[in-house]
Amino acid sequence: MWNKKHDYIPRSAVDFDVFMCNIIDYVKSKVCAGPPSCAEWDTIPQDRFNSLETKYKYFKSAFNNAFEVPTPANNLKKNEALSAATHELREFVNQFLRFPPVTDTDRVDMGIPNRDTVRSVHVVVNETVDYALHIRGIREVVIDFWVLGHTNKAKPQGYNGAVVKWGIYSAPPKSIDDLVFHSMATKTPFPLYFDETERGKIVYIALAWQNKRGMIGGWSEIKSTIIP
């Protein structure tokens, strides 16, 4: 059975955005747009995946609107879209991602819990990320990260990696929520690539560990560097 004590789907809009985007990208890589015979996961109907993607896009739009113009009405729309996307995602996972051809490894990569055969000690993410920023060529910033207080750079056992959030601003952001871009770094070092138009601007970055249950730990301090 699955451990239901802790919901694997994040409740906060920021963490949910990272979580659902990762699942959609992963499923999309397995379900091609061509003939059904070329899809690795041919058990997933295209219309159901389209519905999942539509719910996410609606949430993302409402989330961005609430961030840019945080009125009560926009915040309500964001919360309603979050609830609808969560419901759609949970049904999609339970109907299509719990069974073959989806494997345990696939679910780990998506942050979806597998059946518990042993009690997991990774229910709560206690570790924090420490990291350094390096310049490597033009338009590239490299993030070298590890567990805070450790000397080796191995990610914690049973973890997917670190969630990386960043934003480009003329002044330091007030909170982690202001960092609107995100990605999953499964190993260190992790490169970020930028456009030519972004050179000379300041990028602000923060990281947090994510375990294989999809739970995200506390965020690191926000660091910055100039985009080369």
Protein backbone atom coordinates (compact mmCIF):
# COMPACT_ATOMS: atom_id res chain seq x y z
CA MET A 1 0.00 0.00 0.00
CA TRP A 2 0.98 3.66 -0.34
CA ASN A 3 1.74 5.72 2.71
CA LYS A 4 -1.12 8.23 2.89
CA LYS A 5 -0.01 10.00 6.03
CA HIS A 6 1.70 12.68 3.95
CA ASP A 7 0.21 13.83 0.65
CA TYR A 8 2.80 13.63 -2.11
CA ILE A 9 1.18 16.50 -4.04
CA PRO A 10 2.47 19.84 -2.69
CA ARG A 11 -0.11 22.24 -1.27
CA SER A 12 1.72 25.49 -1.87
CA ALA A 13 1.23 27.00 -5.32
CA VAL A 14 4.98 27.53 -5.81
CA ASP A 15 5.94 23.93 -5.05
CA PHE A 16 2.92 22.54 -6.91
CA ASP A 17 4.00 24.45 -10.01
CA VAL A 18 7.41 22.73 -9.95
CA PHE A 19 5.89 19.32 -9.19
CA MET A 20 3.16 19.29 -11.87
CA CYS A 21 5.39 20.82 -14.54
CA ASN A 22 7.93 18.03 -13.96
CA ILE A 23 5.26 15.33 -14.36
CA ILE A 24 3.83 16.88 -17.53
CA ASP A 25 7.27 17.18 -19.12
CA TYR A 26 8.09 13.60 -18.20
CA VAL A 27 4.81 12.17 -19.52
CA LYS A 28 5.13 14.24 -22.69
CA SER A 29 8.52 12.64 -23.36
CA LYS A 30 6.86 9.21 -23.20
CA VAL A 31 3.74 9.98 -25.25
CA CYS A 32 4.72 11.18 -28.71
CA ALA A 33 2.50 13.11 -31.11
CA GLY A 34 2.92 10.61 -33.95
CA PRO A 35 1.36 7.16 -34.51
CA PRO A 36 0.36 5.28 -31.33
CA SER A 37 2.99 2.62 -32.09
CA CYS A 38 5.81 5.11 -31.40
CA ALA A 39 4.62 6.00 -27.91
CA GLU A 40 6.39 4.31 -25.01
CA TRP A 41 3.28 4.76 -22.89
CA ASP A 42 0.53 3.88 -25.37
CA THR A 43 -1.97 3.28 -22.58
CA ILE A 44 -2.45 7.00 -21.98
CA PRO A 45 -5.13 8.57 -24.22
CA GLN A 46 -4.02 11.80 -25.84
CA ASP A 47 -7.24 13.58 -24.83
CA ARG A 48 -6.62 12.81 -21.15
CA PHE A 49 -3.09 14.15 -21.34
CA ASN A 50 -4.40 17.24 -23.15
CA SER A 51 -6.91 17.76 -20.35
CA LEU A 52 -4.14 17.50 -17.74
CA GLU A 53 -2.00 19.99 -19.63
CA THR A 54 -4.93 22.39 -20.03
CA LYS A 55 -5.62 22.36 -16.29
CA TYR A 56 -1.95 23.10 -15.61
CA LYS A 57 -1.86 25.97 -18.12
CA TYR A 58 -4.97 27.49 -16.53
CA PHE A 59 -3.38 27.20 -13.09
CA LYS A 60 -0.09 28.66 -14.34
CA SER A 61 -1.90 31.64 -15.86
CA ALA A 62 -3.87 32.27 -12.66
CA PHE A 63 -0.71 31.81 -10.58
CA ASN A 64 1.20 34.38 -12.67
CA ASN A 65 -1.71 36.86 -12.56
CA ALA A 66 -1.93 36.59 -8.78
CA PHE A 67 1.82 37.12 -8.50
CA GLU A 68 1.81 40.19 -10.74
CA VAL A 69 -1.44 41.68 -9.39
CA PRO A 70 -2.14 40.13 -5.94
CA THR A 71 -5.76 41.23 -5.57
CA PRO A 72 -8.26 39.14 -3.58
CA ALA A 73 -10.02 38.19 -6.82
CA ASN A 74 -6.81 37.03 -8.49
CA ASN A 75 -5.76 35.08 -5.40
CA LEU A 76 -9.17 33.37 -5.36
CA LYS A 77 -8.82 32.41 -9.03
CA LYS A 78 -5.33 31.05 -8.31
CA ASN A 79 -6.60 28.91 -5.42
CA GLU A 80 -9.52 27.62 -7.47
CA ALA A 81 -7.20 26.75 -10.36
CA LEU A 82 -4.79 25.04 -7.94
CA SER A 83 -7.62 22.91 -6.55
CA ALA A 84 -8.86 21.95 -10.02
CA ALA A 85 -5.35 21.09 -11.26
CA THR A 86 -4.64 19.04 -8.12
CA HIS A 87 -7.83 17.04 -8.62
CA GLU A 88 -7.06 16.44 -12.31
CA LEU A 89 -3.46 15.44 -11.54
CA ARG A 90 -4.44 13.01 -8.77
CA GLU A 91 -6.97 11.25 -11.02
CA PHE A 92 -4.46 11.09 -13.87
CA VAL A 93 -1.78 9.58 -11.63
CA ASN A 94 -4.13 7.00 -10.12
CA GLN A 95 -5.57 5.99 -13.49
CA PHE A 96 -2.48 5.95 -15.70
CA LEU A 97 0.77 6.26 -13.73
CA ARG A 98 0.34 3.58 -11.06
CA PHE A 99 0.58 0.67 -13.50
CA PRO A 100 2.83 -0.72 -16.30
CA PRO A 101 4.29 0.35 -18.63
CA VAL A 102 5.13 3.05 -16.05
CA THR A 103 7.91 1.70 -13.84
CA ASP A 104 9.02 2.37 -10.26
CA THR A 105 11.98 4.30 -11.67
CA ASP A 106 9.63 6.46 -13.75
CA ARG A 107 7.58 7.27 -10.67
CA VAL A 108 10.71 8.16 -8.71
CA ASP A 109 11.75 10.56 -11.48
CA MET A 110 8.30 12.16 -11.39
CA GLY A 111 8.19 12.42 -7.58
CA ILE A 112 5.27 9.97 -7.30
CA PRO A 113 5.54 7.51 -4.39
CA ASN A 114 5.82 3.80 -5.15
CA ARG A 115 4.24 1.05 -3.11
CA ASP A 116 5.90 0.89 0.30
CA THR A 117 7.76 -2.40 0.77
CA VAL A 118 9.76 -1.02 3.69
CA ARG A 119 9.19 1.92 5.95
CA SER A 120 10.85 4.97 4.44
CA VAL A 121 12.87 7.27 6.64
CA HIS A 122 12.54 10.04 4.04
CA VAL A 123 9.09 11.29 5.01
CA VAL A 124 10.31 14.75 5.88
CA VAL A 125 13.13 16.60 4.12
CA ASN A 126 15.41 17.84 6.89
CA GLU A 127 18.49 18.67 4.80
CA THR A 128 19.23 22.13 3.39
CA VAL A 129 21.18 22.93 0.24
CA ASP A 130 24.44 24.83 0.28
CA TYR A 131 25.91 25.91 -3.03
CA ALA A 132 28.32 28.09 -4.96
CA LEU A 133 27.85 29.91 -8.26
CA HIS A 134 30.51 29.79 -10.99
CA ILE A 135 30.86 31.38 -14.40
CA ARG A 136 31.62 29.03 -17.29
CA GLY A 137 31.72 30.74 -20.66
CA ILE A 138 29.21 33.31 -21.85
CA ARG A 139 25.50 33.16 -20.96
CA GLU A 140 26.14 30.28 -18.55
CA VAL A 141 26.07 30.11 -14.74
CA VAL A 142 27.01 26.81 -13.07
CA ILE A 143 25.56 25.81 -9.69
CA ASP A 144 27.76 23.57 -7.57
CA PHE A 145 25.59 22.26 -4.69
CA TRP A 146 25.75 19.89 -1.70
CA VAL A 147 24.14 19.22 1.68
CA LEU A 148 24.71 22.09 4.09
CA GLY A 149 27.39 21.12 6.61
CA HIS A 150 28.76 18.22 4.54
CA THR A 151 32.07 18.05 2.70
CA ASN A 152 31.06 15.58 -0.03
CA LYS A 153 28.70 16.56 -2.84
CA ALA A 154 26.53 13.46 -3.05
CA LYS A 155 22.81 14.08 -2.91
CA PRO A 156 21.03 12.47 0.06
CA GLN A 157 20.04 8.84 -0.42
CA GLY A 158 16.45 8.51 -1.58
CA TYR A 159 16.29 12.04 -3.02
CA ASN A 160 15.53 13.10 -6.60
CA GLY A 161 17.87 16.07 -6.38
CA ALA A 162 17.49 19.78 -5.79
CA VAL A 163 14.80 22.13 -7.05
CA VAL A 164 16.43 25.26 -8.49
CA LYS A 165 14.49 28.52 -8.58
CA TRP A 166 15.76 31.74 -10.12
CA GLY A 167 14.73 35.18 -11.31
CA ILE A 168 16.39 38.16 -12.98
CA TYR A 169 15.85 41.46 -11.18
CA SER A 170 17.45 44.86 -10.72
CA ALA A 171 17.04 44.58 -6.92
CA PRO A 172 17.10 41.61 -4.51
CA PRO A 173 13.76 39.72 -4.37
CA LYS A 174 11.78 39.89 -1.16
CA SER A 175 10.97 36.16 -0.99
CA ILE A 176 11.47 32.79 -2.65
CA ASP A 177 8.07 33.20 -4.32
CA ASP A 178 9.55 36.02 -6.41
CA LEU A 179 11.85 33.53 -8.14
CA VAL A 180 9.50 32.52 -10.95
CA PHE A 181 11.70 30.15 -13.00
CA HIS A 182 12.48 26.62 -11.86
CA SER A 183 14.14 23.35 -12.81
CA MET A 184 15.14 20.04 -11.25
CA ALA A 185 18.89 19.44 -10.76
CA THR A 186 19.46 15.69 -10.39
CA LYS A 187 23.22 16.05 -10.05
CA THR A 188 25.89 18.64 -9.39
CA PRO A 189 27.17 20.78 -11.01
CA PHE A 190 24.03 22.09 -12.70
CA PRO A 191 24.20 24.68 -15.53
CA LEU A 192 21.77 27.52 -16.19
CA TYR A 193 21.75 29.02 -19.68
CA PHE A 194 20.58 32.53 -20.55
CA ASP A 195 19.75 34.65 -23.59
CA GLU A 196 22.09 37.20 -25.09
CA THR A 197 19.68 39.96 -24.00
CA GLU A 198 20.12 38.88 -20.34
CA ARG A 199 23.90 39.32 -20.23
CA GLY A 200 25.05 41.84 -17.63
CA LYS A 201 21.86 41.46 -15.56
CA ILE A 202 21.71 39.99 -12.06
CA VAL A 203 20.22 36.54 -11.53
CA TYR A 204 19.03 35.52 -8.05
CA ILE A 205 19.02 31.81 -7.20
CA ALA A 206 17.81 29.49 -4.41
CA LEU A 207 17.68 25.71 -4.02
CA ALA A 208 15.83 23.10 -1.94
CA TRP A 209 16.18 19.32 -1.73
CA GLN A 210 13.32 17.14 -3.02
CA ASN A 211 12.94 13.54 -1.94
CA LYS A 212 11.45 10.68 -3.96
CA ARG A 213 8.05 11.30 -2.41
CA GLY A 214 8.03 14.69 -4.10
CA MET A 215 8.41 16.54 -0.79
CA ILE A 216 10.51 19.69 -0.84
CA GLY A 217 12.66 20.83 2.08
CA GLY A 218 13.55 24.29 3.32
CA TRP A 219 14.93 26.77 0.84
CA SER A 220 18.54 27.88 0.90
CA GLU A 221 19.55 31.49 1.14
CA ILE A 222 19.16 33.49 -2.06
CA LYS A 223 22.47 34.12 -3.81
CA SER A 224 23.18 36.18 -6.91
CA THR A 225 25.65 36.68 -9.70
CA ILE A 226 25.96 38.69 -12.90
CA ILE A 227 25.03 36.80 -16.07
CA PRO A 228 28.23 36.68 -18.19
